[in-house]
Amino acid sequence: MWYLIGFVSLAVAIKQQNGVFDEWINLNHLKLNLVFLGLALVAGVVYLMLRIYLHKNQAIL
């Protein structure tokens, strides 16, 4: 998810230089990056919670 933010920003920068870009992405790429950032944060929190939960269960066994 973190890499998608950089990829979208890079694609927008390259396409703006060439002058050929879809108007929707040009207007909404910051919103799209914020959505990707939110998804990345949620995925990171879920990963850490599962990791801690499984680590505690393994220590008991």
C-alpha atoms as a PDB file:
ATOM      1  CA  MET A   1       0.000   0.000   0.000  1.00  0.00           C
ATOM      2  CA  TRP A   2       2.809   2.413   0.797  1.00  0.00           C
ATOM      3  CA  TYR A   3       4.289   1.880  -2.667  1.00  0.00           C
ATOM      4  CA  LEU A   4       0.977   2.735  -4.340  1.00  0.00           C
ATOM      5  CA  ILE A   5       1.180   6.260  -2.949  1.00  0.00           C
ATOM      6  CA  GLY A   6       4.569   6.836  -4.539  1.00  0.00           C
ATOM      7  CA  PHE A   7       3.512   5.142  -7.756  1.00  0.00           C
ATOM      8  CA  VAL A   8       0.412   7.309  -8.170  1.00  0.00           C
ATOM      9  CA  SER A   9       2.405  10.463  -7.419  1.00  0.00           C
ATOM     10  CA  LEU A  10       5.090   9.479  -9.922  1.00  0.00           C
ATOM     11  CA  ALA A  11       2.512   8.624 -12.602  1.00  0.00           C
ATOM     12  CA  VAL A  12       0.755  11.961 -12.107  1.00  0.00           C
ATOM     13  CA  ALA A  13       4.049  13.885 -12.327  1.00  0.00           C
ATOM     14  CA  ILE A  14       5.163  12.094 -15.504  1.00  0.00           C
ATOM     15  CA  LYS A  15       1.804  12.391 -17.225  1.00  0.00           C
ATOM     16  CA  GLN A  16       1.491  16.083 -16.350  1.00  0.00           C
ATOM     17  CA  GLN A  17       4.837  16.744 -18.020  1.00  0.00           C
ATOM     18  CA  ASN A  18       3.621  15.051 -21.207  1.00  0.00           C
ATOM     19  CA  GLY A  19       0.272  16.815 -21.061  1.00  0.00           C
ATOM     20  CA  VAL A  20      -1.708  13.605 -21.606  1.00  0.00           C
ATOM     21  CA  PHE A  21      -3.594  12.556 -18.544  1.00  0.00           C
ATOM     22  CA  ASP A  22      -7.097  11.610 -17.549  1.00  0.00           C
ATOM     23  CA  GLU A  23      -8.818  14.624 -16.000  1.00  0.00           C
ATOM     24  CA  TRP A  24     -10.346  12.594 -13.134  1.00  0.00           C
ATOM     25  CA  ILE A  25      -6.970  11.354 -11.866  1.00  0.00           C
ATOM     26  CA  ASN A  26      -5.456  14.799 -12.330  1.00  0.00           C
ATOM     27  CA  LEU A  27      -8.121  16.343 -10.073  1.00  0.00           C
ATOM     28  CA  ASN A  28      -8.349  13.529  -7.528  1.00  0.00           C
ATOM     29  CA  HIS A  29      -4.855  12.079  -7.135  1.00  0.00           C
ATOM     30  CA  LEU A  30      -4.428  13.601  -3.670  1.00  0.00           C
ATOM     31  CA  LYS A  31      -7.695  12.043  -2.502  1.00  0.00           C
ATOM     32  CA  LEU A  32      -6.596   8.737  -4.005  1.00  0.00           C
ATOM     33  CA  ASN A  33      -3.281   8.945  -2.134  1.00  0.00           C
ATOM     34  CA  LEU A  34      -5.117   9.660   1.132  1.00  0.00           C
ATOM     35  CA  VAL A  35      -7.304   6.583   0.588  1.00  0.00           C
ATOM     36  CA  PHE A  36      -4.189   4.462  -0.022  1.00  0.00           C
ATOM     37  CA  LEU A  37      -2.571   5.931   3.087  1.00  0.00           C
ATOM     38  CA  GLY A  38      -5.641   5.068   5.175  1.00  0.00           C
ATOM     39  CA  LEU A  39      -5.698   1.514   3.817  1.00  0.00           C
ATOM     40  CA  ALA A  40      -1.983   1.133   4.528  1.00  0.00           C
ATOM     41  CA  LEU A  41      -2.441   2.305   8.113  1.00  0.00           C
ATOM     42  CA  VAL A  42      -5.382  -0.047   8.682  1.00  0.00           C
ATOM     43  CA  ALA A  43      -3.437  -2.961   7.186  1.00  0.00           C
ATOM     44  CA  GLY A  44      -0.446  -2.130   9.403  1.00  0.00           C
ATOM     45  CA  VAL A  45      -2.563  -2.015  12.548  1.00  0.00           C
ATOM     46  CA  VAL A  46      -4.270  -5.319  11.693  1.00  0.00           C
ATOM     47  CA  TYR A  47      -0.878  -6.909  11.022  1.00  0.00           C
ATOM     48  CA  LEU A  48       0.534  -5.730  14.349  1.00  0.00           C
ATOM     49  CA  MET A  49      -2.544  -6.852  16.272  1.00  0.00           C
ATOM     50  CA  LEU A  50      -2.414 -10.325  14.694  1.00  0.00           C
ATOM     51  CA  ARG A  51       1.310 -10.563  15.296  1.00  0.00           C
ATOM     52  CA  ILE A  52       0.965  -9.677  18.982  1.00  0.00           C
ATOM     53  CA  TYR A  53      -2.031 -11.999  19.402  1.00  0.00           C
ATOM     54  CA  LEU A  54      -0.270 -14.957  17.783  1.00  0.00           C
ATOM     55  CA  HIS A  55       2.960 -14.261  19.680  1.00  0.00           C
ATOM     56  CA  LYS A  56       1.115 -14.336  23.011  1.00  0.00           C
ATOM     57  CA  ASN A  57      -0.706 -17.570  22.087  1.00  0.00           C
ATOM     58  CA  GLN A  58       2.540 -19.253  21.047  1.00  0.00           C
ATOM     59  CA  ALA A  59       4.219 -18.279  24.325  1.00  0.00           C
ATOM     60  CA  ILE A  60       1.443 -20.000  26.287  1.00  0.00           C
ATOM     61  CA  LEU A  61       1.836 -23.257  24.377  1.00  0.00           C
END
